[in-house]
Amino acid sequence: MTDLPLNDVQRRARWRLVLGSEADASCGAPTGAAVEMDQALAALYEAQGPGGLQSKDRRGGRGGSAPSVARWLGDIRKYFPSSVVQVMQRDALERLNLRDMLLEPEMLASVQPNVHLVASLLSLSSVIPAGTKDTARLVVRRVVDELMKKLEEPLRSAISGALDRSQRNRRPRHAEIDWHRTIRANLKHWQPDHRTIVPETLIGYGRKSRRPQREVVLCIDQSGSMANSVVYSSIFGAVMATLPAVATKLVVFDTAVVDMTEQLDDPVELLFGVQLGGGTDINGAVGYCQSIIREPRNTILVLISDLYEGGVEAGLLRRAMELVESGVQFITLLALSDEGAPAYDHALAAKLAALGVPSFACTPDAFPGLMAAAIRRDDVGAWAAAQGMVATGGG
């Protein structure tokens, strides 16, 4: 191997880390720092990995597994970038059933915070020991703060800009005229003989209103499959709640419906109030949202659900038709996450689409644009198609 160019050496070493110990003959055994990297990978991805991360299902005592997991968490953060660490942590939870590592403060403190970890903590919130709850909240707070920094300004700017455009005053009083916009809009009416512009169109500043210009209801499915969507939805709801021009309500549901609007001022407390898991009664949740809508033509209802209905589908479709006919902008997000194409009930999505309720998955980065399009009363289905998020009309 020493006679090979350096890039080939690196390539073989990387393939060895990917393929595991079975590739020793073809790629060579790892050396140097790669030995410990290989041990960290083998502990997770090989049945009898060095260091012996133990599965919950493995028989025998588990007394020595906690220190091993703690060391492993430290190793992967030492040798791998943050994006890889997050993938490995998630794989550890799923492959080795290491959810117990979230119940120990020392381990929890060493974990790289991310949305998947927050979802796991929320699903375990009812069984986390008292001594660990403060640590769990700190971890969730770190993730929420990071996401707020990333997502708050794009959402705030998109919504504010959309509101400004949707509320532009076309019949302003003299004191309300926006002269710069008015002049630009009427340059084609320049009269050279009189050296002046004849303003056929007056554009004014939007009239200030004491009441919100638009009302938004986020209706969030809190079944286990929607965990990451719950995290992002709660953060976006908290941001929108700070905008005086938007009245935001947040409702979560499984077989029961809980209005969590009062918790929007603290997204961490809101998240710990969510109970992930359970059944799904979309009809009941949409019925509750329908009951709290005061101005249908001024309301955007965003249902975030994979549409696997455990309630009365016929009732849901009837309510959807009533909401659309009353003027509510009703949108279904099959997921609000970065996880790619979600699983969902194609048949129900098609039935809702036929009633004028588009359904599509949305990434957190695209959500501000979605809200801006809805506020401007654009065709949201066409907007989604233009973004490559083709509105669902069937499967």
Protein backbone atom coordinates (compact mmCIF):
# COMPACT_ATOMS: atom_id res chain seq x y z
CA MET A 1 0.00 0.00 0.00
CA THR A 2 2.91 2.34 0.68
CA ASP A 3 3.80 2.40 -3.05
CA LEU A 4 0.33 3.67 -3.98
CA PRO A 5 -0.34 7.40 -4.38
CA LEU A 6 -1.69 9.05 -1.25
CA ASN A 7 -5.19 9.55 -2.66
CA ASP A 8 -5.49 5.80 -3.33
CA VAL A 9 -4.37 5.05 0.20
CA GLN A 10 -7.02 7.35 1.57
CA ARG A 11 -9.63 5.88 -0.74
CA ARG A 12 -8.90 2.33 0.39
CA ALA A 13 -8.86 3.38 4.03
CA ARG A 14 -12.27 5.00 3.67
CA TRP A 15 -13.72 1.98 1.91
CA ARG A 16 -12.36 -0.18 4.73
CA LEU A 17 -14.21 1.97 7.29
CA VAL A 18 -17.38 1.70 5.23
CA LEU A 19 -17.21 -2.05 4.60
CA GLY A 20 -15.93 -3.16 8.02
CA SER A 21 -13.61 -5.96 9.08
CA GLU A 22 -14.68 -8.24 6.24
CA ALA A 23 -12.79 -5.95 3.86
CA ASP A 24 -9.41 -6.38 5.60
CA ALA A 25 -8.13 -8.66 2.84
CA SER A 26 -8.95 -6.27 0.01
CA CYS A 27 -8.46 -2.89 1.69
CA GLY A 28 -6.05 -3.66 4.52
CA ALA A 29 -6.57 -3.33 8.24
CA PRO A 30 -6.96 0.20 9.62
CA THR A 31 -3.93 1.91 11.14
CA GLY A 32 -3.31 4.94 13.34
CA ALA A 33 -6.34 7.06 14.17
CA ALA A 34 -8.42 4.94 11.81
CA VAL A 35 -8.26 2.08 14.33
CA GLU A 36 -10.36 3.96 16.88
CA MET A 37 -12.68 5.25 14.16
CA ASP A 38 -13.16 1.68 13.02
CA GLN A 39 -13.88 0.56 16.58
CA ALA A 40 -16.56 3.25 16.96
CA LEU A 41 -18.20 2.20 13.69
CA ALA A 42 -17.90 -1.51 14.45
CA ALA A 43 -19.47 -1.04 17.87
CA LEU A 44 -22.59 0.21 16.11
CA TYR A 45 -22.71 -1.54 12.76
CA GLU A 46 -21.07 -4.95 13.38
CA ALA A 47 -22.76 -7.65 15.41
CA GLN A 48 -19.77 -8.19 17.69
CA GLY A 49 -18.15 -4.78 17.56
CA PRO A 50 -15.09 -3.85 19.65
CA GLY A 51 -16.09 -2.22 22.89
CA GLY A 52 -19.31 -4.18 22.84
CA LEU A 53 -22.19 -1.66 22.70
CA GLN A 54 -24.97 -3.83 24.02
CA SER A 55 -28.49 -4.03 22.69
CA LYS A 56 -31.40 -3.97 25.08
CA ASP A 57 -32.46 -7.29 23.55
CA ARG A 58 -29.09 -8.94 24.23
CA ARG A 59 -29.23 -11.44 27.08
CA GLY A 60 -27.14 -11.16 30.23
CA GLY A 61 -26.18 -8.35 32.55
CA ARG A 62 -26.08 -4.75 31.35
CA GLY A 63 -24.09 -3.24 34.18
CA GLY A 64 -21.07 -2.45 32.03
CA SER A 65 -22.91 -1.07 29.02
CA ALA A 66 -23.43 2.48 30.30
CA PRO A 67 -19.73 3.42 30.51
CA SER A 68 -19.19 1.79 27.12
CA VAL A 69 -21.94 3.90 25.54
CA ALA A 70 -20.65 7.06 27.19
CA ARG A 71 -17.16 6.42 25.81
CA TRP A 72 -18.62 5.64 22.40
CA LEU A 73 -20.51 8.95 22.33
CA GLY A 74 -17.28 10.76 23.11
CA ASP A 75 -15.37 8.81 20.45
CA ILE A 76 -17.75 9.54 17.61
CA ARG A 77 -17.72 13.28 18.39
CA LYS A 78 -13.92 13.15 18.41
CA TYR A 79 -13.49 11.40 15.07
CA PHE A 80 -16.50 12.37 12.96
CA PRO A 81 -18.10 15.66 11.86
CA SER A 82 -21.34 16.82 13.46
CA SER A 83 -23.53 15.69 10.55
CA VAL A 84 -22.13 12.14 10.78
CA VAL A 85 -22.44 12.13 14.58
CA GLN A 86 -26.14 12.87 14.30
CA VAL A 87 -26.67 9.99 11.86
CA MET A 88 -24.76 7.56 14.09
CA GLN A 89 -26.67 8.61 17.21
CA ARG A 90 -29.94 8.06 15.40
CA ASP A 91 -28.78 4.68 14.13
CA ALA A 92 -27.71 3.72 17.67
CA LEU A 93 -31.18 4.47 18.99
CA GLU A 94 -32.83 2.43 16.26
CA ARG A 95 -30.36 -0.45 15.77
CA LEU A 96 -29.28 -1.10 19.35
CA ASN A 97 -32.33 0.13 21.24
CA LEU A 98 -30.07 2.45 23.22
CA ARG A 99 -32.88 4.69 24.42
CA ASP A 100 -31.64 4.01 27.93
CA MET A 101 -28.70 6.29 27.17
CA LEU A 102 -31.15 9.20 27.15
CA LEU A 103 -32.17 8.42 30.71
CA GLU A 104 -28.72 9.07 32.23
CA PRO A 105 -27.65 12.71 32.75
CA GLU A 106 -23.98 12.02 32.02
CA MET A 107 -24.77 10.37 28.71
CA LEU A 108 -27.38 12.93 27.76
CA ALA A 109 -24.90 15.75 28.33
CA SER A 110 -22.46 14.12 25.88
CA VAL A 111 -24.92 13.70 23.03
CA GLN A 112 -24.82 15.99 19.98
CA PRO A 113 -28.16 17.84 20.08
CA ASN A 114 -30.37 17.59 16.98
CA VAL A 115 -34.02 17.34 16.00
CA HIS A 116 -34.04 13.54 16.14
CA LEU A 117 -32.69 13.59 19.70
CA VAL A 118 -35.34 16.10 20.73
CA ALA A 119 -38.01 13.85 19.23
CA SER A 120 -36.62 10.92 21.23
CA LEU A 121 -36.57 12.96 24.43
CA LEU A 122 -40.15 14.06 23.87
CA SER A 123 -41.28 10.49 23.35
CA LEU A 124 -39.59 9.54 26.65
CA SER A 125 -40.58 12.65 28.60
CA SER A 126 -43.04 10.80 30.81
CA VAL A 127 -40.43 8.23 31.95
CA ILE A 128 -37.28 10.36 32.21
CA PRO A 129 -36.13 10.29 35.85
CA ALA A 130 -36.39 13.52 37.83
CA GLY A 131 -32.60 13.77 38.03
CA THR A 132 -32.35 13.77 34.24
CA LYS A 133 -35.20 16.12 33.34
CA ASP A 134 -33.19 19.31 33.85
CA THR A 135 -30.46 17.97 31.57
CA ALA A 136 -33.06 16.94 28.99
CA ARG A 137 -34.54 20.43 29.01
CA LEU A 138 -31.11 21.96 28.51
CA VAL A 139 -30.52 19.71 25.51
CA VAL A 140 -33.91 20.63 24.03
CA ARG A 141 -33.25 24.31 24.75
CA ARG A 142 -29.97 24.13 22.81
CA VAL A 143 -31.68 22.62 19.77
CA VAL A 144 -34.59 25.06 19.92
CA ASP A 145 -32.25 28.06 20.23
CA GLU A 146 -30.18 26.89 17.26
CA LEU A 147 -33.27 26.33 15.11
CA MET A 148 -34.76 29.68 16.14
CA LYS A 149 -31.57 31.44 15.01
CA LYS A 150 -31.71 29.64 11.68
CA LEU A 151 -35.43 29.84 10.96
CA GLU A 152 -36.76 32.95 12.68
CA GLU A 153 -35.51 35.69 10.33
CA PRO A 154 -36.51 33.95 7.05
CA LEU A 155 -40.02 33.33 8.38
CA ARG A 156 -40.38 36.81 9.83
CA SER A 157 -39.18 38.46 6.60
CA ALA A 158 -41.34 36.30 4.36
CA ILE A 159 -44.51 36.89 6.34
CA SER A 160 -43.90 40.63 6.81
CA GLY A 161 -43.19 41.08 3.11
CA ALA A 162 -46.28 39.11 2.10
CA LEU A 163 -48.46 41.11 4.47
CA ASP A 164 -47.11 44.39 3.09
CA ARG A 165 -47.92 43.32 -0.47
CA SER A 166 -51.32 41.86 0.36
CA GLN A 167 -52.36 44.95 2.27
CA ARG A 168 -51.06 47.57 -0.18
CA ASN A 169 -53.56 50.41 -0.32
CA ARG A 170 -54.78 51.15 -3.88
CA ARG A 171 -57.21 53.90 -2.84
CA PRO A 172 -55.13 55.95 -0.41
CA ARG A 173 -56.01 59.21 1.21
CA HIS A 174 -53.56 62.03 0.44
CA ALA A 175 -51.60 61.43 3.64
CA GLU A 176 -51.34 57.71 2.88
CA ILE A 177 -49.81 58.01 -0.63
CA ASP A 178 -46.47 56.27 -1.10
CA TRP A 179 -45.00 58.79 -3.54
CA HIS A 180 -41.95 56.76 -4.53
CA ARG A 181 -44.03 53.73 -5.52
CA THR A 182 -46.68 55.90 -7.16
CA ILE A 183 -44.12 57.71 -9.34
CA ARG A 184 -42.44 54.46 -10.39
CA ALA A 185 -45.82 52.94 -11.26
CA ASN A 186 -46.77 55.93 -13.44
CA LEU A 187 -43.55 56.76 -15.29
CA LYS A 188 -45.20 55.64 -18.53
CA HIS A 189 -47.66 58.53 -18.07
CA TRP A 190 -44.94 61.20 -18.24
CA GLN A 191 -46.20 64.34 -20.07
CA PRO A 192 -43.18 66.07 -21.67
CA ASP A 193 -45.13 69.19 -22.66
CA HIS A 194 -46.14 69.77 -19.05
CA ARG A 195 -42.99 68.21 -17.58
CA THR A 196 -45.04 66.20 -15.14
CA ILE A 197 -46.53 62.77 -14.53
CA VAL A 198 -50.24 62.13 -14.61
CA PRO A 199 -50.75 59.50 -11.87
CA GLU A 200 -53.46 57.15 -13.07
CA THR A 201 -52.69 54.73 -10.24
CA LEU A 202 -52.16 55.82 -6.65
CA ILE A 203 -50.30 53.46 -4.34
CA GLY A 204 -50.51 53.97 -0.62
CA TYR A 205 -49.04 52.56 2.51
CA GLY A 206 -51.12 49.80 4.07
CA ARG A 207 -53.53 51.16 6.62
CA LYS A 208 -52.60 50.17 10.11
CA SER A 209 -55.08 47.93 11.81
CA ARG A 210 -55.48 47.13 15.47
CA ARG A 211 -56.45 43.57 14.68
CA PRO A 212 -54.26 40.93 13.00
CA GLN A 213 -54.31 40.95 9.22
CA ARG A 214 -54.32 37.14 8.97
CA GLU A 215 -55.10 34.26 11.30
CA VAL A 216 -53.10 31.02 11.17
CA VAL A 217 -54.09 27.73 12.79
CA LEU A 218 -51.42 25.02 12.96
CA CYS A 219 -53.07 21.63 13.55
CA ILE A 220 -50.34 19.08 14.32
CA ASP A 221 -50.57 15.30 14.35
CA GLN A 222 -48.53 14.15 17.37
CA SER A 223 -48.42 10.47 16.47
CA GLY A 224 -44.94 8.97 16.74
CA SER A 225 -44.30 9.05 12.99
CA MET A 226 -44.69 12.85 12.98
CA ALA A 227 -42.18 13.56 15.76
CA ASN A 228 -39.75 15.72 13.77
CA SER A 229 -42.64 17.65 12.22
CA VAL A 230 -43.92 18.43 15.71
CA VAL A 231 -40.56 19.96 16.66
CA TYR A 232 -40.36 22.21 13.58
CA SER A 233 -44.06 23.15 13.73
CA SER A 234 -43.77 24.22 17.35
CA ILE A 235 -40.79 26.44 16.60
CA PHE A 236 -42.48 28.06 13.60
CA GLY A 237 -45.61 28.57 15.67
CA ALA A 238 -43.58 30.30 18.38
CA VAL A 239 -42.01 32.62 15.81
CA MET A 240 -45.35 33.52 14.23
CA ALA A 241 -46.84 34.19 17.65
CA THR A 242 -44.39 37.09 18.02
CA LEU A 243 -45.72 38.80 14.88
CA PRO A 244 -48.54 41.19 15.83
CA ALA A 245 -49.97 41.14 12.29
CA VAL A 246 -50.59 37.37 12.50
CA ALA A 247 -52.82 35.71 15.09
CA THR A 248 -51.41 32.20 15.53
CA LYS A 249 -53.06 29.23 17.19
CA LEU A 250 -51.43 25.83 17.69
CA VAL A 251 -53.38 22.63 18.22
CA VAL A 252 -51.92 19.14 18.69
CA PHE A 253 -53.85 15.91 18.50
CA ASP A 254 -53.83 12.14 18.59
CA THR A 255 -57.16 10.68 19.67
CA ALA A 256 -57.56 13.74 21.89
CA VAL A 257 -57.18 17.40 20.94
CA VAL A 258 -55.14 19.88 22.97
CA ASP A 259 -55.00 23.62 22.26
CA MET A 260 -51.47 24.74 23.15
CA THR A 261 -51.72 28.33 21.96
CA GLU A 262 -51.04 29.66 25.45
CA GLN A 263 -47.62 27.89 25.46
CA LEU A 264 -46.38 29.51 22.24
CA ASP A 265 -44.30 32.03 24.18
CA ASP A 266 -41.99 29.21 25.33
CA PRO A 267 -41.39 26.55 22.66
CA VAL A 268 -39.43 24.32 25.08
CA GLU A 269 -42.34 24.11 27.52
CA LEU A 270 -44.65 23.63 24.56
CA LEU A 271 -42.60 20.68 23.30
CA PHE A 272 -42.54 19.02 26.70
CA GLY A 273 -46.30 19.38 26.78
CA VAL A 274 -46.61 17.26 23.64
CA GLN A 275 -47.36 13.56 24.14
CA LEU A 276 -45.93 11.71 21.14
CA GLY A 277 -47.60 8.46 20.18
CA GLY A 278 -51.15 7.19 20.40
CA GLY A 279 -53.86 6.98 17.77
CA THR A 280 -55.03 9.58 15.28
CA ASP A 281 -58.39 11.34 15.04
CA ILE A 282 -57.92 13.94 12.30
CA ASN A 283 -61.65 14.51 11.99
CA GLY A 284 -61.92 15.46 15.66
CA ALA A 285 -58.92 17.77 15.42
CA VAL A 286 -60.16 19.55 12.30
CA GLY A 287 -63.58 19.86 13.95
CA TYR A 288 -62.01 21.65 16.92
CA CYS A 289 -60.06 23.96 14.61
CA GLN A 290 -63.26 24.73 12.72
CA SER A 291 -64.89 25.75 16.01
CA ILE A 292 -62.18 28.33 16.84
CA ILE A 293 -62.06 29.99 13.41
CA ARG A 294 -63.76 33.39 13.65
CA GLU A 295 -63.05 34.89 10.21
CA PRO A 296 -62.89 32.09 7.62
CA ARG A 297 -61.85 34.30 4.71
CA ASN A 298 -58.98 35.66 6.78
CA THR A 299 -57.76 32.28 8.06
CA ILE A 300 -55.06 29.83 6.96
CA LEU A 301 -55.47 26.31 8.39
CA VAL A 302 -52.34 24.15 8.10
CA LEU A 303 -52.93 20.48 8.92
CA ILE A 304 -49.62 18.68 9.47
CA SER A 305 -50.32 14.96 9.26
CA ASP A 306 -49.54 11.80 7.29
CA LEU A 307 -53.33 11.43 6.91
CA TYR A 308 -53.59 7.94 8.37
CA GLU A 309 -57.03 8.61 9.81
CA GLY A 310 -58.20 6.62 12.80
CA GLY A 311 -61.37 8.67 13.16
CA VAL A 312 -64.31 9.17 10.82
CA GLU A 313 -63.01 9.85 7.31
CA ALA A 314 -66.41 10.89 5.97
CA GLY A 315 -66.67 13.47 8.75
CA LEU A 316 -63.22 14.83 7.94
CA LEU A 317 -64.08 15.23 4.26
CA ARG A 318 -67.35 16.96 5.12
CA ARG A 319 -65.55 19.41 7.43
CA ALA A 320 -62.87 20.04 4.80
CA MET A 321 -65.53 20.90 2.22
CA GLU A 322 -67.27 23.24 4.68
CA LEU A 323 -64.02 25.00 5.54
CA VAL A 324 -63.02 25.52 1.91
CA GLU A 325 -66.50 26.75 0.96
CA SER A 326 -66.42 29.23 3.86
CA GLY A 327 -63.21 30.76 2.49
CA VAL A 328 -60.57 29.16 4.71
CA GLN A 329 -57.24 28.45 3.02
CA PHE A 330 -56.82 24.81 4.01
CA ILE A 331 -53.41 23.18 3.38
CA THR A 332 -52.12 19.75 4.38
CA LEU A 333 -48.41 19.19 4.98
CA LEU A 334 -47.64 15.49 4.90
CA ALA A 335 -44.41 16.26 6.75
CA LEU A 336 -42.52 19.34 7.91
CA SER A 337 -39.01 17.94 8.07
CA ASP A 338 -35.80 17.23 6.15
CA GLU A 339 -36.41 13.49 5.97
CA GLY A 340 -37.43 13.25 2.32
CA ALA A 341 -40.59 11.71 0.88
CA PRO A 342 -42.92 10.71 3.73
CA ALA A 343 -45.27 7.77 3.95
CA TYR A 344 -48.89 8.90 3.87
CA ASP A 345 -52.41 7.86 2.94
CA HIS A 346 -52.48 8.54 -0.81
CA ALA A 347 -56.20 7.86 -1.13
CA LEU A 348 -57.22 10.37 1.53
CA ALA A 349 -54.78 12.94 0.13
CA ALA A 350 -56.46 12.57 -3.26
CA LYS A 351 -59.93 13.05 -1.77
CA LEU A 352 -58.82 16.20 0.05
CA ALA A 353 -57.16 17.52 -3.11
CA ALA A 354 -60.45 17.09 -4.96
CA LEU A 355 -62.04 19.38 -2.36
CA GLY A 356 -59.40 22.07 -2.83
CA VAL A 357 -57.03 21.05 -0.02
CA PRO A 358 -53.55 20.51 -1.52
CA SER A 359 -51.22 18.03 0.19
CA PHE A 360 -47.45 17.95 -0.06
CA ALA A 361 -44.35 17.52 2.09
CA CYS A 362 -42.45 20.68 3.02
CA THR A 363 -38.94 21.22 4.32
CA PRO A 364 -38.29 23.72 7.14
CA ASP A 365 -36.37 25.94 4.71
CA ALA A 366 -39.37 26.11 2.35
CA PHE A 367 -41.98 26.79 5.05
CA PRO A 368 -41.49 30.61 5.12
CA GLY A 369 -42.17 30.74 1.37
CA LEU A 370 -45.28 28.61 1.83
CA MET A 371 -46.68 30.94 4.47
CA ALA A 372 -45.90 33.98 2.34
CA ALA A 373 -47.74 32.44 -0.63
CA ALA A 374 -50.75 31.63 1.55
CA ILE A 375 -50.84 35.14 3.03
CA ARG A 376 -50.75 36.65 -0.46
CA ARG A 377 -53.62 34.27 -1.35
CA ASP A 378 -51.58 32.74 -4.16
CA ASP A 379 -52.48 29.33 -5.55
CA VAL A 380 -50.59 27.27 -2.96
CA GLY A 381 -50.77 24.11 -5.07
CA ALA A 382 -49.13 25.92 -7.99
CA TRP A 383 -46.54 27.41 -5.63
CA ALA A 384 -45.68 23.94 -4.32
CA ALA A 385 -45.36 22.57 -7.85
CA ALA A 386 -42.99 25.42 -8.76
CA GLN A 387 -40.82 24.49 -5.78
CA GLY A 388 -40.67 20.85 -6.86
CA MET A 389 -43.10 19.86 -4.07
CA VAL A 390 -45.87 18.67 -6.38
CA ALA A 391 -49.25 18.98 -4.70
CA THR A 392 -50.76 15.55 -4.21
CA GLY A 393 -53.83 14.53 -6.12
CA GLY A 394 -53.42 10.81 -5.66
CA GLY A 395 -50.78 8.15 -5.33
